[in-house]
Structure formats: C-alpha cells, structure tokens
Amino acid sequence: MPPTLSHLLLALAFGITGHLSYLCYTPPSGAPSKPYTTDRFHFIANLHTYRNNLLLKVLMVPAFTLQILLILFPSQGSNLCRNPDLLNPALFTWSFRFILYLLSIAAFGGLRLAAYRHLGTNFTFTLAVPKKLVTTGVYKYVQHPSYTALIGVSSASLFFLARLDGIAACVLPAWMVVAGLSEVGAMVGLGLQIVGLRMRITDEEEMMKGEFGAEWERWHARTKRVLPGLI
C-alpha cells in the first residue's frame, strides 16, 4: 500500500526537523587553533568534531531513516521492526505529541542557528577566546542562547525519539520496553546535560570576563544567562 498524503507530509516534516536537529549538534566552524585552557566540557565537543561529526551521523542516519520508513509504511511494521506491537502509534502519526516535537525542534533549533549566525566564526564547540564581544541579536536578551536552544532540542529528542516504545523497540528485546522507563532515562540524560552545560557556562564566563573585563561585566549585569528576564 503506497503512503498516503498524510504520511508523506508527516515524513517530510520529520525529515526537515531531523536535519535541523543534526545542524544543532554540528560545529558551524572548525576547531579553534588556540583553545581556552579551562574547558571541562571539551570531551563532548571533541566527539562532534571527530571526523566531521562521524559518530552523530552513524547514530542519527539509521535512526531517522527507520523512523521515516515506519511513518510512510505503517503496515510494514513487522518487516521493519523487531517488536512492532510495542510501538507507540503517537510517535509515528499526526498526534499532539508529534506536533509538539516538531514545534519544539523548529523553535529551539531556529534559536540555535540564530546563535550560530550572530557569532559567525567565533562560534566553536571547543572554548576559545572570541575576536569580539557580541551583544546584539539574540545576545541582546540572553548570554547563552545556544545552550538554551540545545537543552530544548535535547529535551524534545530525549522525550520523543529516545523512547523505548519508539524506534528503540525495533532493536531492543521486548522485556526492556518497560512503561515509565523512557521518562526516567530522558530525565537522567537531560540532567547530565544540564550539569555539563553548567560547568561549560562557568568556564566560558571566566574566559569572557578575563578577556573583555568591564565591557563583559556590564553586559552580564543587564542580561540573564539562559532565559530572558528569569535565569
């Protein structure tokens, strides 16, 4: 049975947001020639710079391809998936959950790319002293918009794509697909990322203060770190 128009549109929307997600985890510029000495998050950055983000491609391309195939050909679940009866239909059809995922990736992914654009070649995954202090664009309202965006994209991905009743059910044994375990795993993963980004922010602010002094302190005083007007 050929895909319906609804299936085609959903697959297209998912493909676009999938590409956007990939861009959010891909360095917009090369590794800096002189990285900052204190960068406790550098090992994560190195994973994304290794051989043009090879690890992410190896993980994302098969996963997104399988997701799209299950959207387009739901009747072929038994041929595509190890445990098709364990798949959550809300993850493969137009549903509130799927629409929320698409909107979240579009919004936070767009914010991440805006941060890329405003910083230009100064945006590197490994900490390095920038050529100038950027306080315009999205940086007029928040100091670390790219981290805000990254948490948003990661939250959507962890609570939607990384679920055990999603494409994971196609490769894992049935006994591992336990109700509630997906949410626990997502919260643990998100918590670890927040802890890591908190360390990165501390190191980055130390670097910026040391380089730009009073100019950075004035900007730091009138803006929030990750959420305008709040945090």
C-alpha atoms as a PDB file:
ATOM      1  CA  MET A   1       0.000   0.000   0.000  1.00  0.00           C
ATOM      2  CA  PRO A   2       1.540   3.340  -1.046  1.00  0.00           C
ATOM      3  CA  PRO A   3       1.937   6.127   1.537  1.00  0.00           C
ATOM      4  CA  THR A   4      -0.995   8.487   1.961  1.00  0.00           C
ATOM      5  CA  LEU A   5      -0.643  12.256   1.645  1.00  0.00           C
ATOM      6  CA  SER A   6      -0.836  12.499   5.433  1.00  0.00           C
ATOM      7  CA  HIS A   7       2.047  10.051   5.797  1.00  0.00           C
ATOM      8  CA  LEU A   8       4.108  11.901   3.186  1.00  0.00           C
ATOM      9  CA  LEU A   9       3.604  15.267   4.878  1.00  0.00           C
ATOM     10  CA  LEU A  10       4.499  13.864   8.283  1.00  0.00           C
ATOM     11  CA  ALA A  11       7.625  12.181   6.910  1.00  0.00           C
ATOM     12  CA  LEU A  12       8.637  15.429   5.213  1.00  0.00           C
ATOM     13  CA  ALA A  13       8.112  17.440   8.401  1.00  0.00           C
ATOM     14  CA  PHE A  14      10.097  14.901  10.387  1.00  0.00           C
ATOM     15  CA  GLY A  15      12.884  14.881   7.809  1.00  0.00           C
ATOM     16  CA  ILE A  16      13.188  18.670   7.941  1.00  0.00           C
ATOM     17  CA  THR A  17      13.292  18.767  11.740  1.00  0.00           C
ATOM     18  CA  GLY A  18      15.708  15.840  11.701  1.00  0.00           C
ATOM     19  CA  HIS A  19      18.093  17.818   9.520  1.00  0.00           C
ATOM     20  CA  LEU A  20      17.645  20.814  11.811  1.00  0.00           C
ATOM     21  CA  SER A  21      18.488  18.638  14.816  1.00  0.00           C
ATOM     22  CA  TYR A  22      21.634  17.438  13.088  1.00  0.00           C
ATOM     23  CA  LEU A  23      22.732  21.024  12.420  1.00  0.00           C
ATOM     24  CA  CYS A  24      22.239  21.846  16.097  1.00  0.00           C
ATOM     25  CA  TYR A  25      24.855  19.247  17.039  1.00  0.00           C
ATOM     26  CA  THR A  26      27.255  20.087  14.204  1.00  0.00           C
ATOM     27  CA  PRO A  27      30.001  22.714  14.686  1.00  0.00           C
ATOM     28  CA  PRO A  28      29.364  25.694  12.356  1.00  0.00           C
ATOM     29  CA  SER A  29      33.096  26.353  12.104  1.00  0.00           C
ATOM     30  CA  GLY A  30      36.325  24.445  12.535  1.00  0.00           C
ATOM     31  CA  ALA A  31      38.117  23.732  15.783  1.00  0.00           C
ATOM     32  CA  PRO A  32      39.951  26.783  17.178  1.00  0.00           C
ATOM     33  CA  SER A  33      43.709  26.963  16.750  1.00  0.00           C
ATOM     34  CA  LYS A  34      44.121  28.220  20.323  1.00  0.00           C
ATOM     35  CA  PRO A  35      41.517  26.604  22.606  1.00  0.00           C
ATOM     36  CA  TYR A  36      40.978  28.039  26.065  1.00  0.00           C
ATOM     37  CA  THR A  37      42.925  26.186  28.748  1.00  0.00           C
ATOM     38  CA  THR A  38      39.966  25.548  31.087  1.00  0.00           C
ATOM     39  CA  ASP A  39      37.175  23.676  29.312  1.00  0.00           C
ATOM     40  CA  ARG A  40      35.640  20.830  31.316  1.00  0.00           C
ATOM     41  CA  PHE A  41      33.150  20.107  28.523  1.00  0.00           C
ATOM     42  CA  HIS A  42      35.806  19.682  25.829  1.00  0.00           C
ATOM     43  CA  PHE A  43      35.483  15.890  25.582  1.00  0.00           C
ATOM     44  CA  ILE A  44      31.875  16.263  24.385  1.00  0.00           C
ATOM     45  CA  ALA A  45      32.915  18.920  21.882  1.00  0.00           C
ATOM     46  CA  ASN A  46      35.634  16.612  20.596  1.00  0.00           C
ATOM     47  CA  LEU A  47      33.057  13.917  19.814  1.00  0.00           C
ATOM     48  CA  HIS A  48      31.296  16.318  17.457  1.00  0.00           C
ATOM     49  CA  THR A  49      34.470  17.490  15.758  1.00  0.00           C
ATOM     50  CA  TYR A  50      35.922  13.992  15.254  1.00  0.00           C
ATOM     51  CA  ARG A  51      35.965  13.239  11.523  1.00  0.00           C
ATOM     52  CA  ASN A  52      33.246  15.721  10.659  1.00  0.00           C
ATOM     53  CA  ASN A  53      30.788  14.508  13.306  1.00  0.00           C
ATOM     54  CA  LEU A  54      31.085  10.866  12.231  1.00  0.00           C
ATOM     55  CA  LEU A  55      29.667   9.437  15.467  1.00  0.00           C
ATOM     56  CA  LEU A  56      26.492  11.515  15.218  1.00  0.00           C
ATOM     57  CA  LYS A  57      25.992  10.506  11.587  1.00  0.00           C
ATOM     58  CA  VAL A  58      26.375   6.827  12.473  1.00  0.00           C
ATOM     59  CA  LEU A  59      23.711   7.178  15.167  1.00  0.00           C
ATOM     60  CA  MET A  60      21.269   9.594  13.541  1.00  0.00           C
ATOM     61  CA  VAL A  61      21.083   8.481   9.918  1.00  0.00           C
ATOM     62  CA  PRO A  62      19.898   4.891  10.597  1.00  0.00           C
ATOM     63  CA  ALA A  63      17.541   6.037  13.375  1.00  0.00           C
ATOM     64  CA  PHE A  64      15.915   8.792  11.329  1.00  0.00           C
ATOM     65  CA  THR A  65      15.681   6.554   8.265  1.00  0.00           C
ATOM     66  CA  LEU A  66      13.868   3.871  10.252  1.00  0.00           C
ATOM     67  CA  GLN A  67      11.521   6.462  11.769  1.00  0.00           C
ATOM     68  CA  ILE A  68      10.617   7.785   8.317  1.00  0.00           C
ATOM     69  CA  LEU A  69      10.051   4.276   6.929  1.00  0.00           C
ATOM     70  CA  LEU A  70       7.702   3.434   9.805  1.00  0.00           C
ATOM     71  CA  ILE A  71       5.805   6.673   9.187  1.00  0.00           C
ATOM     72  CA  LEU A  72       5.471   6.019   5.458  1.00  0.00           C
ATOM     73  CA  PHE A  73       4.724   2.297   5.635  1.00  0.00           C
ATOM     74  CA  PRO A  74       2.920   1.520   8.909  1.00  0.00           C
ATOM     75  CA  SER A  75       1.590  -1.765   7.511  1.00  0.00           C
ATOM     76  CA  GLN A  76       5.174  -2.989   7.098  1.00  0.00           C
ATOM     77  CA  GLY A  77       5.983  -2.722  10.779  1.00  0.00           C
ATOM     78  CA  SER A  78       6.565  -6.463  11.135  1.00  0.00           C
ATOM     79  CA  ASN A  79       9.166  -6.328   8.355  1.00  0.00           C
ATOM     80  CA  LEU A  80      10.923  -3.230   9.679  1.00  0.00           C
ATOM     81  CA  CYS A  81      10.723  -3.724  13.417  1.00  0.00           C
ATOM     82  CA  ARG A  82      11.625  -6.457  15.891  1.00  0.00           C
ATOM     83  CA  ASN A  83       8.664  -5.688  18.174  1.00  0.00           C
ATOM     84  CA  PRO A  84       6.063  -3.827  16.080  1.00  0.00           C
ATOM     85  CA  ASP A  85       3.346  -4.483  18.663  1.00  0.00           C
ATOM     86  CA  LEU A  86       5.280  -2.391  21.196  1.00  0.00           C
ATOM     87  CA  LEU A  87       5.456   0.733  19.028  1.00  0.00           C
ATOM     88  CA  ASN A  88       3.532   3.756  20.292  1.00  0.00           C
ATOM     89  CA  PRO A  89       1.277   4.979  17.425  1.00  0.00           C
ATOM     90  CA  ALA A  90       1.522   8.567  18.718  1.00  0.00           C
ATOM     91  CA  LEU A  91       5.200   8.566  17.696  1.00  0.00           C
ATOM     92  CA  PHE A  92       4.501   7.682  14.060  1.00  0.00           C
ATOM     93  CA  THR A  93       1.259   9.505  13.216  1.00  0.00           C
ATOM     94  CA  TRP A  94      -0.084  13.035  13.433  1.00  0.00           C
ATOM     95  CA  SER A  95      -0.650  13.406  17.172  1.00  0.00           C
ATOM     96  CA  PHE A  96      -0.347  16.069  19.831  1.00  0.00           C
ATOM     97  CA  ARG A  97       2.954  14.567  20.954  1.00  0.00           C
ATOM     98  CA  PHE A  98       4.403  14.503  17.442  1.00  0.00           C
ATOM     99  CA  ILE A  99       3.274  18.054  16.676  1.00  0.00           C
ATOM    100  CA  LEU A 100       4.771  19.254  19.976  1.00  0.00           C
ATOM    101  CA  TYR A 101       8.054  17.603  18.999  1.00  0.00           C
ATOM    102  CA  LEU A 102       8.074  19.252  15.568  1.00  0.00           C
ATOM    103  CA  LEU A 103       7.296  22.688  17.010  1.00  0.00           C
ATOM    104  CA  SER A 104       9.934  22.324  19.731  1.00  0.00           C
ATOM    105  CA  ILE A 105      12.667  21.386  17.272  1.00  0.00           C
ATOM    106  CA  ALA A 106      11.645  24.196  14.916  1.00  0.00           C
ATOM    107  CA  ALA A 107      11.660  26.816  17.690  1.00  0.00           C
ATOM    108  CA  PHE A 108      14.757  25.778  19.614  1.00  0.00           C
ATOM    109  CA  GLY A 109      16.620  24.682  16.501  1.00  0.00           C
ATOM    110  CA  GLY A 110      15.950  28.068  14.952  1.00  0.00           C
ATOM    111  CA  LEU A 111      17.311  29.758  18.080  1.00  0.00           C
ATOM    112  CA  ARG A 112      20.458  27.627  17.962  1.00  0.00           C
ATOM    113  CA  LEU A 113      21.097  28.531  14.317  1.00  0.00           C
ATOM    114  CA  ALA A 114      20.465  32.208  15.116  1.00  0.00           C
ATOM    115  CA  ALA A 115      23.234  31.999  17.716  1.00  0.00           C
ATOM    116  CA  TYR A 116      25.497  30.407  15.087  1.00  0.00           C
ATOM    117  CA  ARG A 117      24.745  33.250  12.693  1.00  0.00           C
ATOM    118  CA  HIS A 118      25.331  36.087  15.148  1.00  0.00           C
ATOM    119  CA  LEU A 119      28.660  34.728  16.371  1.00  0.00           C
ATOM    120  CA  GLY A 120      29.892  33.565  12.969  1.00  0.00           C
ATOM    121  CA  THR A 121      33.385  32.054  13.102  1.00  0.00           C
ATOM    122  CA  ASN A 122      33.558  32.905  16.811  1.00  0.00           C
ATOM    123  CA  PHE A 123      31.106  30.077  17.500  1.00  0.00           C
ATOM    124  CA  THR A 124      33.185  26.991  18.249  1.00  0.00           C
ATOM    125  CA  PHE A 125      32.235  23.863  20.184  1.00  0.00           C
ATOM    126  CA  THR A 126      35.603  23.962  21.961  1.00  0.00           C
ATOM    127  CA  LEU A 127      36.063  27.050  24.133  1.00  0.00           C
ATOM    128  CA  ALA A 128      38.249  29.745  22.587  1.00  0.00           C
ATOM    129  CA  VAL A 129      38.584  33.483  23.158  1.00  0.00           C
ATOM    130  CA  PRO A 130      36.380  35.265  20.564  1.00  0.00           C
ATOM    131  CA  LYS A 131      37.607  38.180  18.483  1.00  0.00           C
ATOM    132  CA  LYS A 132      34.940  40.469  19.927  1.00  0.00           C
ATOM    133  CA  LEU A 133      32.097  40.560  22.446  1.00  0.00           C
ATOM    134  CA  VAL A 134      28.762  40.141  20.646  1.00  0.00           C
ATOM    135  CA  THR A 135      25.829  41.807  22.449  1.00  0.00           C
ATOM    136  CA  THR A 136      23.374  42.206  19.568  1.00  0.00           C
ATOM    137  CA  GLY A 137      20.742  39.958  18.012  1.00  0.00           C
ATOM    138  CA  VAL A 138      19.688  37.146  20.342  1.00  0.00           C
ATOM    139  CA  TYR A 139      22.645  38.047  22.567  1.00  0.00           C
ATOM    140  CA  LYS A 140      20.923  41.321  23.394  1.00  0.00           C
ATOM    141  CA  TYR A 141      18.441  39.382  25.531  1.00  0.00           C
ATOM    142  CA  VAL A 142      20.343  36.372  26.856  1.00  0.00           C
ATOM    143  CA  GLN A 143      24.003  35.472  27.333  1.00  0.00           C
ATOM    144  CA  HIS A 144      23.903  31.813  26.311  1.00  0.00           C
ATOM    145  CA  PRO A 145      21.052  31.385  23.793  1.00  0.00           C
ATOM    146  CA  SER A 146      22.747  28.429  22.123  1.00  0.00           C
ATOM    147  CA  TYR A 147      22.684  26.473  25.396  1.00  0.00           C
ATOM    148  CA  THR A 148      19.033  27.351  25.956  1.00  0.00           C
ATOM    149  CA  ALA A 149      18.329  26.043  22.463  1.00  0.00           C
ATOM    150  CA  LEU A 150      20.440  22.925  22.977  1.00  0.00           C
ATOM    151  CA  ILE A 151      18.528  21.985  26.123  1.00  0.00           C
ATOM    152  CA  GLY A 152      15.247  22.486  24.246  1.00  0.00           C
ATOM    153  CA  VAL A 153      16.313  20.349  21.280  1.00  0.00           C
ATOM    154  CA  SER A 154      17.732  17.659  23.558  1.00  0.00           C
ATOM    155  CA  SER A 155      14.566  17.587  25.678  1.00  0.00           C
ATOM    156  CA  ALA A 156      12.387  17.088  22.603  1.00  0.00           C
ATOM    157  CA  SER A 157      14.690  14.370  21.282  1.00  0.00           C
ATOM    158  CA  LEU A 158      15.043  12.526  24.588  1.00  0.00           C
ATOM    159  CA  PHE A 159      11.345  12.546  25.450  1.00  0.00           C
ATOM    160  CA  PHE A 160      10.252  11.709  21.889  1.00  0.00           C
ATOM    161  CA  LEU A 161      12.825   9.884  19.772  1.00  0.00           C
ATOM    162  CA  ALA A 162      14.742   8.127  22.538  1.00  0.00           C
ATOM    163  CA  ARG A 163      11.645   6.430  23.931  1.00  0.00           C
ATOM    164  CA  LEU A 164      11.678   2.657  24.359  1.00  0.00           C
ATOM    165  CA  ASP A 165       8.290   2.420  22.628  1.00  0.00           C
ATOM    166  CA  GLY A 166       9.703   4.273  19.625  1.00  0.00           C
ATOM    167  CA  ILE A 167      12.282   3.009  17.163  1.00  0.00           C
ATOM    168  CA  ALA A 168      14.253   1.559  20.091  1.00  0.00           C
ATOM    169  CA  ALA A 169      11.613  -1.188  20.263  1.00  0.00           C
ATOM    170  CA  CYS A 170      12.767  -2.282  16.814  1.00  0.00           C
ATOM    171  CA  VAL A 171      16.196  -3.324  18.070  1.00  0.00           C
ATOM    172  CA  LEU A 172      15.830  -3.983  21.804  1.00  0.00           C
ATOM    173  CA  PRO A 173      14.370  -7.163  23.332  1.00  0.00           C
ATOM    174  CA  ALA A 174      10.734  -6.865  24.404  1.00  0.00           C
ATOM    175  CA  TRP A 175      11.498  -7.218  28.119  1.00  0.00           C
ATOM    176  CA  MET A 176      13.379  -3.914  28.075  1.00  0.00           C
ATOM    177  CA  VAL A 177      10.351  -1.919  26.924  1.00  0.00           C
ATOM    178  CA  VAL A 178       9.017  -1.064  30.388  1.00  0.00           C
ATOM    179  CA  ALA A 179       6.388   1.616  30.996  1.00  0.00           C
ATOM    180  CA  GLY A 180       7.873   4.722  32.595  1.00  0.00           C
ATOM    181  CA  LEU A 181      11.486   3.746  31.949  1.00  0.00           C
ATOM    182  CA  SER A 182      11.695   6.051  28.919  1.00  0.00           C
ATOM    183  CA  GLU A 183      10.805   9.079  31.029  1.00  0.00           C
ATOM    184  CA  VAL A 184      13.339   8.132  33.705  1.00  0.00           C
ATOM    185  CA  GLY A 185      16.072   7.717  31.102  1.00  0.00           C
ATOM    186  CA  ALA A 186      15.162  11.029  29.476  1.00  0.00           C
ATOM    187  CA  MET A 187      15.278  12.890  32.790  1.00  0.00           C
ATOM    188  CA  VAL A 188      18.643  11.349  33.675  1.00  0.00           C
ATOM    189  CA  GLY A 189      20.060  12.235  30.260  1.00  0.00           C
ATOM    190  CA  LEU A 190      18.724  15.777  30.444  1.00  0.00           C
ATOM    191  CA  GLY A 191      20.013  16.185  33.986  1.00  0.00           C
ATOM    192  CA  LEU A 192      23.516  15.139  32.939  1.00  0.00           C
ATOM    193  CA  GLN A 193      23.448  17.600  30.057  1.00  0.00           C
ATOM    194  CA  ILE A 194      22.350  20.450  32.326  1.00  0.00           C
ATOM    195  CA  VAL A 195      25.177  19.654  34.764  1.00  0.00           C
ATOM    196  CA  GLY A 196      27.667  19.586  31.894  1.00  0.00           C
ATOM    197  CA  LEU A 197      26.422  22.853  30.434  1.00  0.00           C
ATOM    198  CA  ARG A 198      26.535  24.481  33.851  1.00  0.00           C
ATOM    199  CA  MET A 199      30.240  23.653  34.019  1.00  0.00           C
ATOM    200  CA  ARG A 200      30.725  24.948  30.484  1.00  0.00           C
ATOM    201  CA  ILE A 201      28.968  28.234  31.329  1.00  0.00           C
ATOM    202  CA  THR A 202      31.199  28.720  34.377  1.00  0.00           C
ATOM    203  CA  ASP A 203      34.345  28.151  32.314  1.00  0.00           C
ATOM    204  CA  GLU A 204      33.092  30.341  29.481  1.00  0.00           C
ATOM    205  CA  GLU A 205      32.179  33.252  31.737  1.00  0.00           C
ATOM    206  CA  GLU A 206      35.588  33.094  33.397  1.00  0.00           C
ATOM    207  CA  MET A 207      37.177  33.311  29.951  1.00  0.00           C
ATOM    208  CA  MET A 208      34.959  36.181  28.776  1.00  0.00           C
ATOM    209  CA  LYS A 209      35.460  38.199  31.956  1.00  0.00           C
ATOM    210  CA  GLY A 210      39.205  37.790  31.712  1.00  0.00           C
ATOM    211  CA  GLU A 211      39.252  38.881  28.063  1.00  0.00           C
ATOM    212  CA  PHE A 212      36.707  41.724  27.974  1.00  0.00           C
ATOM    213  CA  GLY A 213      36.671  42.918  31.592  1.00  0.00           C
ATOM    214  CA  ALA A 214      34.279  45.778  32.393  1.00  0.00           C
ATOM    215  CA  GLU A 215      32.544  45.598  28.995  1.00  0.00           C
ATOM    216  CA  TRP A 216      31.540  41.988  29.654  1.00  0.00           C
ATOM    217  CA  GLU A 217      30.562  42.739  33.256  1.00  0.00           C
ATOM    218  CA  ARG A 218      28.130  45.470  32.151  1.00  0.00           C
ATOM    219  CA  TRP A 219      26.518  43.158  29.595  1.00  0.00           C
ATOM    220  CA  HIS A 220      26.473  40.314  32.117  1.00  0.00           C
ATOM    221  CA  ALA A 221      24.703  42.546  34.657  1.00  0.00           C
ATOM    222  CA  ARG A 222      21.900  43.652  32.331  1.00  0.00           C
ATOM    223  CA  THR A 223      21.096  40.265  30.769  1.00  0.00           C
ATOM    224  CA  LYS A 224      20.200  36.812  32.023  1.00  0.00           C
ATOM    225  CA  ARG A 225      22.153  33.653  31.300  1.00  0.00           C
ATOM    226  CA  VAL A 226      19.678  31.308  29.594  1.00  0.00           C
ATOM    227  CA  LEU A 227      16.108  32.657  29.926  1.00  0.00           C
ATOM    228  CA  PRO A 228      15.338  36.361  29.304  1.00  0.00           C
ATOM    229  CA  GLY A 229      14.143  38.047  32.497  1.00  0.00           C
ATOM    230  CA  LEU A 230      14.356  34.859  34.569  1.00  0.00           C
ATOM    231  CA  ILE A 231      17.645  32.972  34.853  1.00  0.00           C
END
